[in-house]
Amino acid sequence: MTGRFIPNAFNVTPVLVYRVYTDGRPDEIVRGVDLVGTPLSMFSQIDQAGGKSEIFNGYCGAESGSIPVSCVSPMILVKMIETQKKSKSQERQIILPRPDSNEKK
């Protein structure tokens, strides 16, 4: 939402998020988060851009409702971005017992 009295902010539901460590630890997949913030603060954190460009086709929320949008962007490395826990957990229920357990069905 943008407006004269409303801050310009975004809330993105990513497909895949990694936490990248600079000290050599392996990258970690982060689940159950949205990317949030303001465009100017996020754009100031872009460290590198380049490589293959990708296309995004989706929807953007507007005052009149959701509208279809498309954009093209190269890969970017962002030094820091705000995340927010999703209101609904992405964890799945356990279907089968652990193989080393003694549970019988």
N, C-alpha and C. Protein backbone atom coordinates (compact mmCIF):
# COMPACT_ATOMS: atom_id res chain seq x y z
N MET A 1 0.85 -1.18 0.00
CA MET A 1 0.00 0.00 0.00
C MET A 1 0.90 1.24 0.00
N THR A 2 0.59 2.14 -0.85
CA THR A 2 1.33 3.40 -0.87
C THR A 2 0.35 4.55 -0.74
N GLY A 3 0.81 5.60 -0.17
CA GLY A 3 -0.03 6.77 -0.01
C GLY A 3 0.74 7.84 0.70
N ARG A 4 0.16 9.02 0.75
CA ARG A 4 0.83 10.15 1.36
C ARG A 4 1.03 9.95 2.86
N PHE A 5 0.08 9.29 3.53
CA PHE A 5 0.16 9.15 4.98
C PHE A 5 0.42 7.72 5.41
N ILE A 6 0.60 6.83 4.47
CA ILE A 6 0.86 5.43 4.78
C ILE A 6 2.28 5.10 4.32
N PRO A 7 3.10 4.45 5.16
CA PRO A 7 4.47 4.14 4.73
C PRO A 7 4.46 3.12 3.58
N ASN A 8 5.40 3.27 2.69
CA ASN A 8 5.57 2.34 1.58
C ASN A 8 6.30 1.12 2.13
N ALA A 9 5.63 -0.02 2.18
CA ALA A 9 6.22 -1.22 2.77
C ALA A 9 5.88 -2.42 1.90
N PHE A 10 6.67 -3.50 2.07
CA PHE A 10 6.38 -4.72 1.32
C PHE A 10 6.35 -5.91 2.26
N ASN A 11 5.66 -6.94 1.82
CA ASN A 11 5.58 -8.22 2.51
C ASN A 11 5.62 -9.28 1.43
N VAL A 12 6.74 -9.99 1.31
CA VAL A 12 6.96 -10.95 0.24
C VAL A 12 6.94 -12.36 0.81
N THR A 13 6.22 -13.25 0.15
CA THR A 13 6.21 -14.66 0.53
C THR A 13 7.20 -15.39 -0.37
N PRO A 14 8.39 -15.67 0.13
CA PRO A 14 9.41 -16.29 -0.73
C PRO A 14 9.17 -17.79 -0.92
N VAL A 15 9.74 -18.31 -1.99
CA VAL A 15 9.65 -19.74 -2.27
C VAL A 15 10.72 -20.49 -1.47
N LEU A 16 11.92 -19.93 -1.40
CA LEU A 16 13.03 -20.59 -0.71
C LEU A 16 13.93 -19.53 -0.10
N VAL A 17 14.25 -19.67 1.19
CA VAL A 17 15.10 -18.71 1.90
C VAL A 17 16.27 -19.45 2.53
N TYR A 18 17.47 -18.91 2.36
CA TYR A 18 18.67 -19.46 2.98
C TYR A 18 19.26 -18.42 3.93
N ARG A 19 19.77 -18.88 5.08
CA ARG A 19 20.60 -18.03 5.94
C ARG A 19 22.03 -18.36 5.54
N VAL A 20 22.76 -17.33 5.11
CA VAL A 20 24.13 -17.52 4.62
C VAL A 20 25.09 -16.99 5.67
N TYR A 21 26.04 -17.83 6.05
CA TYR A 21 27.04 -17.44 7.04
C TYR A 21 28.34 -17.07 6.34
N THR A 22 29.00 -16.03 6.81
CA THR A 22 30.26 -15.60 6.21
C THR A 22 31.48 -16.26 6.84
N ASP A 23 31.28 -17.01 7.94
CA ASP A 23 32.41 -17.63 8.63
C ASP A 23 32.68 -19.06 8.17
N GLY A 24 32.07 -19.49 7.07
CA GLY A 24 32.34 -20.81 6.53
C GLY A 24 31.35 -21.90 6.92
N ARG A 25 30.44 -21.59 7.87
CA ARG A 25 29.42 -22.58 8.21
C ARG A 25 28.53 -22.82 7.00
N PRO A 26 27.95 -24.02 6.89
CA PRO A 26 27.07 -24.28 5.74
C PRO A 26 25.80 -23.43 5.80
N ASP A 27 25.30 -23.08 4.63
CA ASP A 27 24.05 -22.32 4.55
C ASP A 27 22.92 -23.15 5.14
N GLU A 28 21.91 -22.48 5.71
CA GLU A 28 20.76 -23.15 6.30
C GLU A 28 19.49 -22.70 5.59
N ILE A 29 18.59 -23.64 5.34
CA ILE A 29 17.27 -23.29 4.82
C ILE A 29 16.45 -22.75 5.99
N VAL A 30 15.78 -21.64 5.78
CA VAL A 30 14.92 -21.02 6.79
C VAL A 30 13.48 -21.20 6.34
N ARG A 31 12.65 -21.79 7.19
CA ARG A 31 11.25 -22.05 6.83
C ARG A 31 10.31 -21.17 7.65
N GLY A 32 9.14 -20.91 7.08
CA GLY A 32 8.10 -20.22 7.83
C GLY A 32 8.32 -18.74 8.03
N VAL A 33 8.96 -18.07 7.05
CA VAL A 33 9.17 -16.63 7.19
C VAL A 33 8.70 -15.89 5.94
N ASP A 34 8.34 -14.64 6.13
CA ASP A 34 8.08 -13.71 5.04
C ASP A 34 9.17 -12.66 5.09
N LEU A 35 9.46 -12.06 3.95
CA LEU A 35 10.41 -10.95 3.88
C LEU A 35 9.60 -9.66 3.99
N VAL A 36 9.97 -8.79 4.90
CA VAL A 36 9.22 -7.56 5.14
C VAL A 36 10.18 -6.37 5.17
N GLY A 37 9.64 -5.19 5.03
CA GLY A 37 10.46 -3.99 5.15
C GLY A 37 9.97 -2.88 4.26
N THR A 38 10.82 -1.91 4.06
CA THR A 38 10.53 -0.81 3.16
C THR A 38 11.53 -0.89 2.00
N PRO A 39 11.08 -0.57 0.79
CA PRO A 39 11.98 -0.70 -0.36
C PRO A 39 13.29 0.06 -0.23
N LEU A 40 13.28 1.28 0.26
CA LEU A 40 14.52 2.05 0.35
C LEU A 40 15.51 1.42 1.32
N SER A 41 15.03 0.89 2.45
CA SER A 41 15.96 0.27 3.40
C SER A 41 16.52 -1.03 2.83
N MET A 42 15.71 -1.80 2.10
CA MET A 42 16.19 -3.05 1.52
C MET A 42 17.14 -2.79 0.36
N PHE A 43 16.81 -1.85 -0.51
CA PHE A 43 17.68 -1.56 -1.64
C PHE A 43 19.05 -1.08 -1.18
N SER A 44 19.13 -0.41 -0.04
CA SER A 44 20.43 0.06 0.45
C SER A 44 21.29 -1.09 0.97
N GLN A 45 20.70 -2.27 1.15
CA GLN A 45 21.43 -3.43 1.65
C GLN A 45 21.90 -4.38 0.54
N ILE A 46 21.61 -4.05 -0.73
CA ILE A 46 22.07 -4.91 -1.83
C ILE A 46 23.57 -4.76 -1.97
N ASP A 47 24.28 -5.88 -1.88
CA ASP A 47 25.74 -5.88 -1.94
C ASP A 47 26.23 -6.15 -3.36
N GLN A 48 25.59 -7.12 -4.04
CA GLN A 48 26.00 -7.49 -5.39
C GLN A 48 24.78 -7.87 -6.21
N ALA A 49 24.89 -7.68 -7.51
CA ALA A 49 23.84 -8.11 -8.44
C ALA A 49 24.50 -8.56 -9.72
N GLY A 50 23.89 -9.52 -10.38
CA GLY A 50 24.42 -10.00 -11.65
C GLY A 50 24.03 -11.43 -11.90
N GLY A 51 24.60 -12.00 -12.92
CA GLY A 51 24.29 -13.38 -13.25
C GLY A 51 23.02 -13.47 -14.07
N LYS A 52 22.44 -14.63 -14.07
CA LYS A 52 21.24 -14.91 -14.87
C LYS A 52 20.04 -14.15 -14.32
N SER A 53 19.29 -13.54 -15.21
CA SER A 53 18.05 -12.86 -14.80
C SER A 53 16.91 -13.87 -14.76
N GLU A 54 16.00 -13.68 -13.84
CA GLU A 54 14.83 -14.55 -13.70
C GLU A 54 13.58 -13.69 -13.83
N ILE A 55 12.47 -14.35 -14.19
CA ILE A 55 11.19 -13.66 -14.38
C ILE A 55 10.25 -14.05 -13.25
N PHE A 56 9.54 -13.07 -12.71
CA PHE A 56 8.52 -13.31 -11.69
C PHE A 56 7.17 -12.91 -12.26
N ASN A 57 6.21 -13.80 -12.17
CA ASN A 57 4.82 -13.52 -12.52
C ASN A 57 3.99 -13.79 -11.28
N GLY A 58 3.25 -12.82 -10.80
CA GLY A 58 2.46 -13.02 -9.60
C GLY A 58 1.43 -11.92 -9.46
N TYR A 59 1.06 -11.65 -8.21
CA TYR A 59 0.05 -10.64 -7.92
C TYR A 59 0.58 -9.65 -6.91
N CYS A 60 0.14 -8.43 -7.03
CA CYS A 60 0.51 -7.36 -6.11
C CYS A 60 -0.77 -6.80 -5.51
N GLY A 61 -0.77 -6.64 -4.19
CA GLY A 61 -1.94 -6.06 -3.53
C GLY A 61 -2.01 -4.57 -3.77
N ALA A 62 -3.17 -4.08 -4.08
CA ALA A 62 -3.39 -2.65 -4.29
C ALA A 62 -4.68 -2.26 -3.59
N GLU A 63 -4.93 -0.97 -3.51
CA GLU A 63 -6.14 -0.49 -2.84
C GLU A 63 -7.40 -1.04 -3.50
N SER A 64 -7.35 -1.27 -4.81
CA SER A 64 -8.51 -1.77 -5.53
C SER A 64 -8.56 -3.30 -5.58
N GLY A 65 -7.58 -3.97 -4.99
CA GLY A 65 -7.52 -5.43 -5.02
C GLY A 65 -6.20 -5.90 -5.59
N SER A 66 -6.07 -7.19 -5.80
CA SER A 66 -4.84 -7.75 -6.34
C SER A 66 -4.81 -7.58 -7.85
N ILE A 67 -3.63 -7.21 -8.35
CA ILE A 67 -3.47 -7.05 -9.79
C ILE A 67 -2.29 -7.91 -10.25
N PRO A 68 -2.36 -8.48 -11.45
CA PRO A 68 -1.24 -9.30 -11.93
C PRO A 68 -0.04 -8.41 -12.26
N VAL A 69 1.16 -8.90 -11.92
CA VAL A 69 2.39 -8.17 -12.20
C VAL A 69 3.45 -9.13 -12.73
N SER A 70 4.40 -8.60 -13.46
CA SER A 70 5.56 -9.35 -13.94
C SER A 70 6.79 -8.47 -13.75
N CYS A 71 7.91 -9.09 -13.41
CA CYS A 71 9.15 -8.33 -13.32
C CYS A 71 10.31 -9.25 -13.65
N VAL A 72 11.42 -8.65 -14.04
CA VAL A 72 12.64 -9.36 -14.38
C VAL A 72 13.75 -8.78 -13.53
N SER A 73 14.58 -9.66 -12.94
CA SER A 73 15.66 -9.19 -12.08
C SER A 73 16.83 -10.16 -12.14
N PRO A 74 18.05 -9.63 -12.04
CA PRO A 74 19.19 -10.54 -11.90
C PRO A 74 19.23 -11.06 -10.46
N MET A 75 20.07 -12.04 -10.22
CA MET A 75 20.27 -12.51 -8.85
C MET A 75 20.86 -11.36 -8.03
N ILE A 76 20.47 -11.26 -6.75
CA ILE A 76 21.03 -10.23 -5.89
C ILE A 76 21.49 -10.85 -4.57
N LEU A 77 22.53 -10.29 -4.01
CA LEU A 77 23.00 -10.67 -2.68
C LEU A 77 22.68 -9.51 -1.76
N VAL A 78 21.82 -9.76 -0.79
CA VAL A 78 21.38 -8.74 0.15
C VAL A 78 22.10 -8.98 1.47
N LYS A 79 22.78 -7.95 2.00
CA LYS A 79 23.53 -8.10 3.25
C LYS A 79 22.63 -8.40 4.43
N MET A 80 21.47 -7.74 4.48
CA MET A 80 20.57 -7.94 5.61
C MET A 80 19.16 -7.58 5.17
N ILE A 81 18.19 -8.38 5.60
CA ILE A 81 16.79 -8.10 5.30
C ILE A 81 15.96 -8.54 6.49
N GLU A 82 14.88 -7.83 6.73
CA GLU A 82 14.00 -8.18 7.85
C GLU A 82 13.12 -9.36 7.46
N THR A 83 12.92 -10.25 8.43
CA THR A 83 12.01 -11.37 8.22
C THR A 83 10.95 -11.34 9.31
N GLN A 84 9.85 -11.99 9.02
CA GLN A 84 8.75 -12.06 9.96
C GLN A 84 8.20 -13.47 9.93
N LYS A 85 7.96 -14.04 11.11
CA LYS A 85 7.42 -15.39 11.19
C LYS A 85 6.02 -15.42 10.61
N LYS A 86 5.75 -16.45 9.80
CA LYS A 86 4.42 -16.61 9.23
C LYS A 86 3.42 -16.88 10.35
N SER A 87 2.20 -16.42 10.17
CA SER A 87 1.19 -16.63 11.19
C SER A 87 0.77 -18.10 11.25
N LYS A 88 0.89 -18.81 10.14
CA LYS A 88 0.55 -20.22 10.10
C LYS A 88 1.83 -21.02 9.89
N SER A 89 2.05 -22.02 10.71
CA SER A 89 3.26 -22.82 10.62
C SER A 89 3.29 -23.62 9.33
N GLN A 90 4.47 -23.77 8.76
CA GLN A 90 4.67 -24.56 7.55
C GLN A 90 5.04 -26.00 7.88
N GLU A 91 5.18 -26.31 9.17
CA GLU A 91 5.59 -27.66 9.55
C GLU A 91 4.49 -28.66 9.23
N ARG A 92 4.92 -29.83 8.78
CA ARG A 92 3.97 -30.89 8.46
C ARG A 92 3.86 -31.86 9.63
N GLN A 93 2.69 -32.46 9.75
CA GLN A 93 2.48 -33.48 10.78
C GLN A 93 3.28 -34.72 10.43
N ILE A 94 3.75 -35.42 11.46
CA ILE A 94 4.48 -36.65 11.25
C ILE A 94 3.51 -37.72 10.78
N ILE A 95 3.85 -38.42 9.70
CA ILE A 95 2.98 -39.44 9.14
C ILE A 95 3.36 -40.83 9.66
N LEU A 96 4.64 -41.13 9.68
CA LEU A 96 5.13 -42.44 10.10
C LEU A 96 6.02 -42.31 11.32
N PRO A 97 6.09 -43.35 12.16
CA PRO A 97 7.01 -43.30 13.29
C PRO A 97 8.46 -43.42 12.79
N ARG A 98 9.39 -43.01 13.61
CA ARG A 98 10.79 -43.16 13.27
C ARG A 98 11.13 -44.62 13.05
N PRO A 99 12.01 -44.92 12.10
CA PRO A 99 12.33 -46.33 11.82
C PRO A 99 12.93 -47.06 13.00
N ASP A 100 13.64 -46.35 13.88
CA ASP A 100 14.27 -47.03 15.02
C ASP A 100 13.38 -47.11 16.26
N SER A 101 12.13 -46.63 16.13
CA SER A 101 11.22 -46.71 17.27
C SER A 101 10.57 -48.08 17.33
N ASN A 102 10.00 -48.43 18.47
CA ASN A 102 9.36 -49.73 18.65
C ASN A 102 7.85 -49.66 18.46
N GLU A 103 7.36 -48.52 17.98
CA GLU A 103 5.92 -48.37 17.78
C GLU A 103 5.44 -49.29 16.68
N LYS A 104 4.30 -49.93 16.93
CA LYS A 104 3.65 -50.78 15.92
C LYS A 104 2.31 -50.14 15.58
N LYS A 105 1.94 -50.22 14.33
CA LYS A 105 0.64 -49.67 13.92
C LYS A 105 -0.35 -50.78 13.79
